Amino acid sequence: MKSILMNYMKSLLLLALCAALVACGSSGKDTDFFGADEKPVKPKVPSSSTTIAQNWKLGVGEGSTAGGVIISPALLGTSIYAASTNGRIVKVDSQSGKVVWDQKLKKKTITAGVGVGGGLVLVGTSDGKVYAFNQSDGEIAWEAGLSSEILASPVIDGDTVVARSGDGRVYGLAAYDGDVLWTISRQLPRLTLRGESEPLIFQGVVVAGFSDGTLAAVEASTGRALWDFPISFPRGTNEIDRLSDIDTKPLLVGEFIYVSSYQEVTHALNIREQRIAWSSSVSSYHPIAYDSAFLYLSDKDGVVHQVNRSNGDVEWSQKALRLFSTSAPASIGPYVLVADGDGSLFVLRKSDGSLVGKHGLGARNIIGEPIVDGDTAYFMDSDGALRSLNVLSGS
């Protein structure tokens, strides 16, 4: 018996060694044990009919994507609030790019933010702390300790701040002093994406997506369960294929909540009737952009889609950026903006999805959720810079 076991272990070791030799071969080709990987092809824009006007650029901090952390800026009125992983939080005038106040959390790594509302600016840290700053002067109002790393931006509505920890818990905190009002928890699957869905909070209701593929609503003041919808289901023969995380922030437009999962579906949920109005096979783990008639999604393969908001039909799919790490889309006027992960910002025409512009950013990617205010877009890039730009027609 011992001899058989030894031979079995030797066979496993030999197989692992063969796989390593294939993966580490000196052929220079992108191959693995299962064959050649398909390489992305940089798209060519036939004739660029747009230009990018950068209004201002502000360096907030380095390492904004360290450890897979994604931090999105927030706009309230004429002020933008932004943060970086190295502990810096700033309030910036959206028109001029001038810093109104500048705060620093010493020896802290910010992993979630920025949430704004009720006179507070909110961020979360790697050691499970939620910090609230006074919106007016940047002074710390309070801090609250949760059970693990914060990976989704805290949000606020009225007297309640809602924050999520990386171990599957959702917390209701008192907006006045950060005291814990309630906690709910969900068991995490064995394998999940790094990150949590930012909660949606409105009219005293908190809506959150979970790594098990469910979307749940609770009462903001008490944490009492209101309803629970299965959005996606684990399928496949391995743990990667069975990923069903809801990592996108639920999008509220009118009486509909739009929510997408990692590799399954996008649903339109009628909140008044508490039913799913339609489902689309397009899915994303990025924030969803929208306009009066359509949704815009970048899927896990880099394909950008336009989906009809009324029935879920896919109107067009732009595959030119397939296999690139495309950013969350931004809907601005007649255009959709996406970055490709290699320093280029692409402009798509909404009417047909065609590429009408390619512009250098000087950074690897847009990170987090872009902000659109009228004809101006604001976003953080992977070098830790906050940018303001306009898209102009004409060469």
Protein backbone atom coordinates (compact mmCIF):
# COMPACT_ATOMS: atom_id res chain seq x y z
CA MET A 1 0.00 0.00 0.00
CA LYS A 2 2.83 2.38 0.91
CA SER A 3 4.55 1.62 -2.42
CA ILE A 4 1.39 2.37 -4.39
CA LEU A 5 0.99 5.67 -2.55
CA MET A 6 4.60 6.63 -3.24
CA ASN A 7 4.24 5.87 -6.97
CA TYR A 8 1.03 7.95 -7.07
CA MET A 9 2.77 10.91 -5.46
CA LYS A 10 5.69 10.61 -7.90
CA SER A 11 3.26 10.63 -10.83
CA LEU A 12 1.60 13.80 -9.54
CA LEU A 13 4.98 15.47 -9.09
CA LEU A 14 6.05 14.50 -12.61
CA LEU A 15 2.83 15.86 -14.10
CA ALA A 16 3.25 19.15 -12.25
CA LEU A 17 6.87 19.42 -13.42
CA CYS A 18 5.85 18.83 -17.06
CA ALA A 19 3.20 21.52 -16.81
CA ALA A 20 5.73 23.96 -15.34
CA LEU A 21 8.22 23.25 -18.14
CA VAL A 22 5.58 23.87 -20.79
CA ALA A 23 4.50 27.13 -19.11
CA CYS A 24 8.08 28.34 -18.69
CA GLY A 25 9.39 27.36 -22.12
CA SER A 26 11.57 29.76 -24.07
CA SER A 27 9.52 29.79 -27.28
CA GLY A 28 8.36 33.35 -26.61
CA LYS A 29 4.76 32.43 -27.40
CA ASP A 30 1.88 33.06 -25.01
CA THR A 31 1.16 29.42 -24.30
CA ASP A 32 0.08 27.40 -21.37
CA PHE A 33 -0.47 23.70 -20.69
CA PHE A 34 -3.70 23.79 -22.70
CA GLY A 35 -2.34 25.61 -25.79
CA ALA A 36 -1.97 29.14 -27.14
CA ASP A 37 -3.75 32.07 -25.52
CA GLU A 38 -5.61 34.42 -27.82
CA LYS A 39 -3.94 37.83 -27.94
CA PRO A 40 -5.91 41.09 -27.89
CA VAL A 41 -5.60 43.21 -31.02
CA LYS A 42 -5.38 46.95 -30.57
CA PRO A 43 -8.24 48.49 -32.57
CA LYS A 44 -7.66 51.13 -35.20
CA VAL A 45 -10.06 54.05 -35.41
CA PRO A 46 -10.68 54.73 -39.13
CA SER A 47 -11.13 58.49 -38.71
CA SER A 48 -11.30 60.18 -35.35
CA SER A 49 -14.10 62.73 -35.34
CA THR A 50 -13.73 63.76 -31.70
CA THR A 51 -11.19 65.56 -29.55
CA ILE A 52 -10.61 65.51 -25.80
CA ALA A 53 -10.26 68.76 -23.87
CA GLN A 54 -8.69 68.21 -20.45
CA ASN A 55 -9.88 70.96 -18.10
CA TRP A 56 -7.59 70.07 -15.20
CA LYS A 57 -5.66 67.22 -13.58
CA LEU A 58 -4.88 66.76 -9.89
CA GLY A 59 -2.58 64.15 -8.39
CA VAL A 60 -4.35 62.64 -5.38
CA GLY A 61 -2.03 59.76 -4.50
CA GLU A 62 -0.07 56.84 -5.85
CA GLY A 63 -1.11 53.22 -5.79
CA SER A 64 -4.81 53.73 -6.44
CA THR A 65 -5.11 50.15 -7.69
CA ALA A 66 -2.76 48.55 -5.16
CA GLY A 67 -4.01 45.11 -4.15
CA GLY A 68 -6.93 45.35 -6.56
CA VAL A 69 -8.45 48.26 -4.62
CA ILE A 70 -10.74 50.53 -6.64
CA ILE A 71 -11.72 53.93 -5.22
CA SER A 72 -14.24 56.12 -7.02
CA PRO A 73 -14.61 59.91 -6.66
CA ALA A 74 -17.96 61.45 -5.68
CA LEU A 75 -19.62 64.67 -6.84
CA LEU A 76 -21.98 66.73 -4.70
CA GLY A 77 -22.97 70.18 -5.88
CA THR A 78 -19.86 71.88 -7.24
CA SER A 79 -17.40 69.81 -5.21
CA ILE A 80 -15.65 66.53 -5.94
CA TYR A 81 -14.38 64.28 -3.18
CA ALA A 82 -11.56 61.84 -3.96
CA ALA A 83 -9.22 59.53 -2.06
CA SER A 84 -6.18 57.37 -2.64
CA THR A 85 -4.94 54.18 -1.03
CA ASN A 86 -2.15 55.99 0.81
CA GLY A 87 -4.68 57.66 3.14
CA ARG A 88 -5.27 60.99 1.42
CA ILE A 89 -8.76 62.51 1.06
CA VAL A 90 -9.41 65.78 -0.78
CA LYS A 91 -12.29 68.11 -1.52
CA VAL A 92 -11.87 69.77 -4.92
CA ASP A 93 -13.71 72.57 -6.72
CA SER A 94 -15.16 70.85 -9.80
CA GLN A 95 -14.76 73.89 -12.06
CA SER A 96 -11.17 74.89 -11.28
CA GLY A 97 -9.61 71.72 -9.87
CA LYS A 98 -8.39 73.67 -6.84
CA VAL A 99 -8.15 71.81 -3.51
CA VAL A 100 -10.60 73.12 -0.89
CA TRP A 101 -9.31 70.89 1.91
CA ASP A 102 -6.80 68.08 2.19
CA GLN A 103 -6.88 65.39 4.90
CA LYS A 104 -4.50 62.51 5.57
CA LEU A 105 -5.05 59.31 7.55
CA LYS A 106 -1.59 58.41 8.82
CA LYS A 107 -0.49 54.79 8.52
CA LYS A 108 -3.84 53.82 7.00
CA THR A 109 -4.66 52.21 3.65
CA ILE A 110 -7.94 53.38 2.17
CA THR A 111 -9.69 50.52 0.39
CA ALA A 112 -13.18 51.94 -0.19
CA GLY A 113 -14.81 55.26 -0.93
CA VAL A 114 -15.82 57.88 -1.45
CA GLY A 115 -19.31 58.24 0.03
CA VAL A 116 -20.82 61.70 0.46
CA GLY A 117 -24.04 62.94 2.04
CA GLY A 118 -25.62 64.36 5.17
CA GLY A 119 -22.65 66.66 5.75
CA LEU A 120 -20.21 63.73 5.82
CA VAL A 121 -17.47 62.29 3.61
CA LEU A 122 -16.94 58.54 4.12
CA VAL A 123 -14.10 56.11 3.40
CA GLY A 124 -13.19 52.59 4.53
CA THR A 125 -9.77 51.11 5.32
CA SER A 126 -7.91 47.81 5.12
CA ASP A 127 -8.09 47.32 8.89
CA GLY A 128 -11.90 47.45 8.94
CA LYS A 129 -12.42 51.09 9.92
CA VAL A 130 -15.01 53.51 8.53
CA TYR A 131 -13.98 57.15 8.81
CA ALA A 132 -16.42 60.04 8.56
CA PHE A 133 -15.10 63.55 7.82
CA ASN A 134 -16.98 66.83 8.04
CA GLN A 135 -17.91 67.84 4.51
CA SER A 136 -17.25 71.51 5.25
CA ASP A 137 -13.69 71.42 6.65
CA GLY A 138 -12.41 67.83 6.40
CA GLU A 139 -12.07 67.28 10.14
CA ILE A 140 -12.72 63.74 11.38
CA ALA A 141 -16.26 63.47 12.79
CA TRP A 142 -16.01 59.83 13.94
CA GLU A 143 -14.58 56.42 13.19
CA ALA A 144 -16.14 52.97 13.52
CA GLY A 145 -14.46 49.58 13.64
CA LEU A 146 -16.03 46.72 11.66
CA SER A 147 -15.11 43.04 11.45
CA SER A 148 -12.82 43.06 8.39
CA GLU A 149 -11.47 45.06 5.44
CA ILE A 150 -13.90 47.52 3.82
CA LEU A 151 -14.12 46.93 0.05
CA ALA A 152 -17.23 48.90 -0.96
CA SER A 153 -17.87 52.61 -0.55
CA PRO A 154 -19.94 53.45 2.55
CA VAL A 155 -23.21 55.24 1.72
CA ILE A 156 -25.52 57.48 3.73
CA ASP A 157 -29.21 58.28 3.80
CA GLY A 158 -30.72 60.39 6.55
CA ASP A 159 -29.57 59.11 9.94
CA THR A 160 -27.97 55.88 8.71
CA VAL A 161 -24.58 55.07 7.18
CA VAL A 162 -24.38 51.66 5.51
CA ALA A 163 -21.00 49.93 5.17
CA ARG A 164 -19.89 46.46 4.04
CA SER A 165 -16.98 44.37 5.28
CA GLY A 166 -15.12 41.81 3.24
CA ASP A 167 -16.41 38.88 5.29
CA GLY A 168 -19.96 39.25 3.93
CA ARG A 169 -21.43 41.49 6.63
CA VAL A 170 -23.48 44.66 6.08
CA TYR A 171 -23.60 47.25 8.88
CA GLY A 172 -25.99 50.04 9.68
CA LEU A 173 -24.16 52.82 11.54
CA ALA A 174 -25.54 55.92 13.22
CA ALA A 175 -24.67 58.91 11.02
CA TYR A 176 -24.20 61.03 14.15
CA ASP A 177 -21.42 59.05 15.89
CA GLY A 178 -20.81 55.79 13.99
CA ASP A 179 -22.40 53.47 16.57
CA VAL A 180 -23.48 50.12 15.15
CA LEU A 181 -27.29 49.98 14.83
CA TRP A 182 -27.63 46.59 13.14
CA THR A 183 -25.69 43.89 11.29
CA ILE A 184 -26.68 41.33 8.69
CA SER A 185 -24.43 38.64 7.25
CA ARG A 186 -24.33 36.18 4.38
CA GLN A 187 -22.12 33.12 4.03
CA LEU A 188 -19.50 33.65 1.35
CA PRO A 189 -18.98 31.06 -1.41
CA ARG A 190 -15.62 29.27 -1.39
CA LEU A 191 -14.40 31.44 -4.27
CA THR A 192 -15.45 35.07 -4.86
CA LEU A 193 -14.18 38.12 -6.68
CA ARG A 194 -12.20 40.56 -4.56
CA GLY A 195 -14.59 43.39 -3.87
CA GLU A 196 -18.14 44.02 -2.72
CA SER A 197 -21.15 45.62 -4.34
CA GLU A 198 -21.64 49.19 -3.14
CA PRO A 199 -25.05 49.33 -1.41
CA LEU A 200 -27.87 51.41 -2.86
CA ILE A 201 -29.76 53.40 -0.24
CA PHE A 202 -32.93 55.39 -0.92
CA GLN A 203 -36.15 56.31 0.89
CA GLY A 204 -35.15 54.37 3.98
CA VAL A 205 -34.34 51.17 2.08
CA VAL A 206 -30.92 49.54 1.58
CA VAL A 207 -30.41 47.30 -1.46
CA ALA A 208 -27.23 45.21 -1.69
CA GLY A 209 -25.92 42.48 -3.99
CA PHE A 210 -24.06 39.52 -2.55
CA SER A 211 -21.41 37.05 -3.68
CA ASP A 212 -23.96 34.22 -3.69
CA GLY A 213 -25.84 35.93 -6.53
CA THR A 214 -28.74 37.36 -4.51
CA LEU A 215 -30.03 40.92 -4.27
CA ALA A 216 -31.56 41.83 -0.92
CA ALA A 217 -33.38 44.83 0.54
CA VAL A 218 -33.49 45.76 4.22
CA GLU A 219 -34.90 48.63 6.23
CA ALA A 220 -32.17 51.25 6.69
CA SER A 221 -33.02 52.15 10.27
CA THR A 222 -33.36 48.61 11.66
CA GLY A 223 -31.83 46.13 9.17
CA ARG A 224 -35.16 44.29 8.96
CA ALA A 225 -35.37 42.12 5.84
CA LEU A 226 -37.85 43.38 3.22
CA TRP A 227 -37.27 41.18 0.17
CA ASP A 228 -34.70 38.93 -1.45
CA PHE A 229 -34.24 38.10 -5.14
CA PRO A 230 -31.96 35.46 -6.71
CA ILE A 231 -30.17 37.27 -9.55
CA SER A 232 -27.69 34.66 -10.78
CA PHE A 233 -26.98 31.02 -10.06
CA PRO A 234 -23.68 29.11 -9.85
CA ARG A 235 -23.19 26.99 -12.97
CA GLY A 236 -20.30 25.00 -14.38
CA THR A 237 -17.92 22.28 -13.30
CA ASN A 238 -15.27 24.37 -11.53
CA GLU A 239 -15.22 27.20 -8.99
CA ILE A 240 -14.28 29.87 -11.56
CA ASP A 241 -17.16 28.95 -13.86
CA ARG A 242 -19.47 28.99 -10.84
CA LEU A 243 -18.66 32.59 -9.84
CA SER A 244 -21.94 34.48 -9.53
CA ASP A 245 -20.86 37.60 -7.61
CA ILE A 246 -22.90 40.77 -7.79
CA ASP A 247 -20.11 43.33 -7.64
CA THR A 248 -21.86 46.15 -9.48
CA LYS A 249 -23.69 48.83 -7.55
CA PRO A 250 -27.43 48.43 -8.14
CA LEU A 251 -28.55 51.30 -10.40
CA LEU A 252 -31.80 53.07 -9.51
CA VAL A 253 -33.56 54.93 -12.34
CA GLY A 254 -37.20 55.83 -11.77
CA GLU A 255 -39.02 52.77 -10.45
CA PHE A 256 -36.47 50.28 -11.76
CA ILE A 257 -33.32 48.85 -10.24
CA TYR A 258 -30.81 47.53 -12.77
CA VAL A 259 -28.29 45.01 -11.47
CA SER A 260 -25.71 42.78 -13.13
CA SER A 261 -23.64 39.79 -12.04
CA TYR A 262 -20.11 38.71 -12.95
CA GLN A 263 -20.86 36.28 -15.77
CA GLU A 264 -24.57 35.61 -15.77
CA VAL A 265 -27.27 38.21 -16.46
CA THR A 266 -28.49 41.78 -16.09
CA HIS A 267 -31.95 42.23 -14.58
CA ALA A 268 -34.39 45.12 -14.48
CA LEU A 269 -36.30 44.92 -11.21
CA ASN A 270 -39.58 46.81 -10.88
CA ILE A 271 -39.43 47.92 -7.25
CA ARG A 272 -43.04 49.09 -7.09
CA GLU A 273 -44.38 45.71 -8.22
CA GLN A 274 -41.41 43.76 -6.74
CA ARG A 275 -40.89 41.66 -9.84
CA ILE A 276 -38.23 41.20 -12.51
CA ALA A 277 -39.37 43.14 -15.59
CA TRP A 278 -36.77 41.70 -17.98
CA SER A 279 -33.47 39.86 -18.09
CA SER A 280 -30.58 40.18 -20.53
CA SER A 281 -27.73 37.76 -21.18
CA VAL A 282 -25.25 40.68 -21.08
CA SER A 283 -23.47 41.00 -17.72
CA SER A 284 -20.74 43.03 -16.04
CA TYR A 285 -18.83 43.55 -12.81
CA HIS A 286 -18.30 47.26 -13.61
CA PRO A 287 -20.73 50.05 -12.72
CA ILE A 288 -23.49 50.47 -15.31
CA ALA A 289 -23.87 53.74 -17.24
CA TYR A 290 -27.20 54.92 -18.61
CA ASP A 291 -29.12 57.63 -20.43
CA SER A 292 -32.82 58.26 -21.06
CA ALA A 293 -33.29 55.10 -23.16
CA PHE A 294 -30.33 52.75 -22.75
CA LEU A 295 -27.86 51.06 -20.41
CA TYR A 296 -24.15 50.75 -21.25
CA LEU A 297 -22.06 47.84 -19.91
CA SER A 298 -18.49 46.58 -20.29
CA ASP A 299 -18.45 42.81 -19.87
CA LYS A 300 -15.68 40.62 -18.44
CA ASP A 301 -14.24 40.07 -21.94
CA GLY A 302 -13.96 43.80 -22.70
CA VAL A 303 -16.96 43.98 -25.05
CA VAL A 304 -19.09 47.13 -24.69
CA HIS A 305 -22.87 46.76 -25.02
CA GLN A 306 -25.87 49.05 -25.40
CA VAL A 307 -29.01 47.55 -23.82
CA ASN A 308 -32.53 48.88 -24.23
CA ARG A 309 -33.82 49.96 -20.81
CA SER A 310 -37.44 49.17 -21.66
CA ASN A 311 -37.06 45.51 -22.67
CA GLY A 312 -33.43 44.37 -22.19
CA ASP A 313 -32.72 43.94 -25.91
CA VAL A 314 -29.06 44.34 -26.90
CA GLU A 315 -29.01 47.12 -29.52
CA TRP A 316 -25.31 46.81 -30.36
CA SER A 317 -22.10 45.23 -29.07
CA GLN A 318 -18.71 46.79 -29.82
CA LYS A 319 -16.12 43.99 -29.87
CA ALA A 320 -13.09 46.05 -30.93
CA LEU A 321 -11.77 46.06 -27.34
CA ARG A 322 -12.40 42.38 -26.68
CA LEU A 323 -9.75 40.82 -24.41
CA PHE A 324 -8.67 44.25 -23.16
CA SER A 325 -9.31 45.29 -19.57
CA THR A 326 -11.95 47.86 -20.42
CA SER A 327 -13.08 50.30 -17.77
CA ALA A 328 -16.58 51.10 -16.62
CA PRO A 329 -18.32 53.08 -19.38
CA ALA A 330 -19.25 56.73 -19.06
CA SER A 331 -22.33 58.08 -20.88
CA ILE A 332 -21.76 61.67 -21.98
CA GLY A 333 -23.96 63.38 -24.57
CA PRO A 334 -23.99 61.36 -27.82
CA TYR A 335 -20.94 59.33 -26.76
CA VAL A 336 -19.80 56.48 -24.52
CA LEU A 337 -16.26 56.58 -23.10
CA VAL A 338 -14.20 53.53 -22.14
CA ALA A 339 -10.49 53.09 -21.43
CA ASP A 340 -8.62 50.02 -22.64
CA GLY A 341 -6.15 49.44 -19.80
CA ASP A 342 -3.17 50.49 -21.92
CA GLY A 343 -3.49 54.26 -21.70
CA SER A 344 -6.06 54.95 -24.42
CA LEU A 345 -9.51 56.45 -24.04
CA PHE A 346 -11.96 55.35 -26.72
CA VAL A 347 -15.05 57.25 -27.79
CA LEU A 348 -18.04 55.26 -29.08
CA ARG A 349 -21.00 56.78 -30.90
CA LYS A 350 -24.20 55.86 -29.08
CA SER A 351 -26.29 55.58 -32.22
CA ASP A 352 -24.43 52.55 -33.59
CA GLY A 353 -21.51 51.77 -31.25
CA SER A 354 -18.88 52.74 -33.80
CA LEU A 355 -15.45 53.95 -32.66
CA VAL A 356 -15.12 57.66 -33.39
CA GLY A 357 -12.15 58.58 -31.23
CA LYS A 358 -8.99 57.26 -29.62
CA HIS A 359 -7.08 59.52 -27.26
CA GLY A 360 -4.00 59.01 -25.09
CA LEU A 361 -4.47 59.37 -21.35
CA GLY A 362 -0.90 58.92 -20.21
CA ALA A 363 -2.15 56.44 -17.61
CA ARG A 364 -3.02 52.77 -17.70
CA ASN A 365 -6.73 52.99 -17.08
CA ILE A 366 -9.76 54.71 -15.70
CA ILE A 367 -10.58 53.17 -12.34
CA GLY A 368 -13.79 53.08 -10.38
CA GLU A 369 -16.96 54.78 -11.54
CA PRO A 370 -16.60 57.85 -13.79
CA ILE A 371 -18.71 60.87 -12.88
CA VAL A 372 -20.65 62.68 -15.60
CA ASP A 373 -22.06 66.15 -14.95
CA GLY A 374 -23.61 67.67 -18.05
CA ASP A 375 -20.95 67.62 -20.77
CA THR A 376 -18.04 67.05 -18.35
CA ALA A 377 -16.60 63.75 -17.18
CA TYR A 378 -14.52 63.29 -14.02
CA PHE A 379 -12.56 60.16 -13.19
CA MET A 380 -9.62 58.75 -11.28
CA ASP A 381 -6.88 57.09 -13.30
CA SER A 382 -4.61 54.25 -12.27
CA ASP A 383 -1.76 56.67 -11.53
CA GLY A 384 -3.81 58.30 -8.79
CA ALA A 385 -4.78 61.44 -10.75
CA LEU A 386 -8.24 63.00 -10.73
CA ARG A 387 -9.13 64.37 -14.18
CA SER A 388 -11.80 66.62 -15.65
CA LEU A 389 -12.43 66.49 -19.40
CA ASN A 390 -14.89 67.26 -22.18
CA VAL A 391 -15.48 65.41 -25.42
CA LEU A 392 -15.69 67.71 -28.45
CA SER A 393 -16.88 66.93 -31.95
CA GLY A 394 -14.52 67.55 -34.81
CA SER A 395 -10.84 66.81 -35.40
